[in-house]
Amino acid sequence: MLTYINKIKEILAVDNISIEKLMECVELVGANEDILTIKMDGARTEKKYTIFITFPVEKQKKMIRRDGDNLQSLLTDLLTEYIKQPVMKLVHPKSD
């Protein structure tokens, strides 16, 4: 769990992050059992992208959302906010 966050921090520490590295971060968010959604609304003339991260109810965290036109800068901003969140481990109920 913390290793996913640390890996995202390492990637974000580099100048001029490639979109490929940002997509690696998207996968790390999923590996951390959180959900990152990228939506592109082609009908809009401004703020075509909406991206957000949601969390399982058990983590009791609010959604992080960004809107804009530059996907690379939006992802960087969103992920920067994401790594500032307190780290919480999801506890899965034991099955019998």
Protein backbone atom coordinates (compact mmCIF):
# COMPACT_ATOMS: atom_id res chain seq x y z
CA MET A 1 0.00 0.00 0.00
CA LEU A 2 2.62 2.55 1.06
CA THR A 3 4.88 1.25 -1.69
CA TYR A 4 2.27 2.28 -4.30
CA ILE A 5 2.18 5.81 -2.88
CA ASN A 6 5.98 5.96 -2.70
CA LYS A 7 6.28 4.84 -6.32
CA ILE A 8 3.82 7.56 -7.40
CA LYS A 9 5.87 10.11 -5.41
CA GLU A 10 9.04 8.97 -7.21
CA ILE A 11 7.41 9.35 -10.61
CA LEU A 12 5.97 12.80 -9.78
CA ALA A 13 9.38 14.02 -8.56
CA VAL A 14 10.72 13.94 -12.13
CA ASP A 15 10.47 17.02 -14.36
CA ASN A 16 8.45 16.70 -17.57
CA ILE A 17 6.69 13.45 -16.67
CA SER A 18 5.70 11.44 -19.72
CA ILE A 19 2.10 10.38 -20.24
CA GLU A 20 3.32 6.77 -20.06
CA LYS A 21 4.69 7.34 -16.55
CA LEU A 22 1.44 9.06 -15.54
CA MET A 23 -0.50 6.04 -16.81
CA GLU A 24 1.77 3.87 -14.65
CA CYS A 25 0.57 6.01 -11.72
CA VAL A 26 -3.05 5.40 -12.77
CA GLU A 27 -2.37 1.66 -12.48
CA LEU A 28 -0.77 2.17 -9.06
CA VAL A 29 -3.91 3.99 -7.84
CA GLY A 30 -5.90 0.91 -8.85
CA ALA A 31 -3.40 -1.40 -7.18
CA ASN A 32 -3.99 0.63 -4.01
CA GLU A 33 -7.70 -0.37 -4.29
CA ASP A 34 -8.81 3.14 -5.29
CA ILE A 35 -10.54 4.13 -8.53
CA LEU A 36 -9.26 6.70 -11.03
CA THR A 37 -11.63 7.69 -13.81
CA ILE A 38 -10.76 9.69 -16.94
CA LYS A 39 -13.68 11.09 -18.94
CA MET A 40 -13.34 13.01 -22.20
CA ASP A 41 -16.40 14.97 -23.32
CA GLY A 42 -15.91 15.73 -27.00
CA ALA A 43 -19.03 17.91 -27.14
CA ARG A 44 -17.51 20.50 -24.81
CA THR A 45 -15.45 23.40 -26.11
CA GLU A 46 -13.67 23.92 -22.78
CA LYS A 47 -12.65 21.63 -19.93
CA LYS A 48 -13.07 18.53 -22.07
CA TYR A 49 -11.48 16.25 -19.48
CA THR A 50 -12.91 15.34 -16.12
CA ILE A 51 -10.72 13.12 -13.99
CA PHE A 52 -11.33 11.95 -10.46
CA ILE A 53 -10.27 9.47 -7.83
CA THR A 54 -12.84 7.80 -5.61
CA PHE A 55 -12.25 5.62 -2.61
CA PRO A 56 -13.96 2.58 -1.07
CA VAL A 57 -16.48 3.61 1.59
CA GLU A 58 -14.33 1.98 4.27
CA LYS A 59 -11.54 4.51 3.67
CA GLN A 60 -13.90 7.41 4.47
CA LYS A 61 -12.21 9.80 2.05
CA LYS A 62 -13.74 12.41 -0.23
CA MET A 63 -13.40 12.23 -4.00
CA ILE A 64 -10.58 14.21 -5.62
CA ARG A 65 -11.60 15.79 -8.94
CA ARG A 66 -10.05 17.97 -11.63
CA ASP A 67 -11.47 19.43 -14.87
CA GLY A 68 -9.52 20.94 -17.74
CA ASP A 69 -8.11 20.61 -21.23
CA ASN A 70 -4.57 19.29 -20.68
CA LEU A 71 -4.75 15.67 -19.57
CA GLN A 72 -1.08 15.49 -18.62
CA SER A 73 -1.20 18.48 -16.28
CA LEU A 74 -4.57 17.37 -14.85
CA LEU A 75 -3.20 13.93 -14.00
CA THR A 76 -0.10 15.45 -12.44
CA ASP A 77 -2.22 17.78 -10.29
CA LEU A 78 -4.68 15.05 -9.32
CA LEU A 79 -1.94 12.59 -8.38
CA THR A 80 -0.09 15.26 -6.41
CA GLU A 81 -3.24 15.77 -4.34
CA TYR A 82 -3.73 12.01 -4.05
CA ILE A 83 -0.33 11.38 -2.47
CA LYS A 84 -1.08 14.03 0.17
CA GLN A 85 -4.04 11.97 1.44
CA PRO A 86 -3.57 9.99 4.65
CA VAL A 87 -2.73 6.38 3.88
CA MET A 88 -5.40 3.94 5.03
CA LYS A 89 -5.40 0.21 4.62
CA LEU A 90 -8.62 -1.45 3.59
CA VAL A 91 -9.61 -4.19 5.97
CA HIS A 92 -11.40 -7.00 4.21
CA PRO A 93 -13.83 -9.04 6.31
CA LYS A 94 -12.77 -12.62 6.86
CA SER A 95 -14.77 -15.17 4.98
CA ASP A 96 -15.78 -18.42 6.63
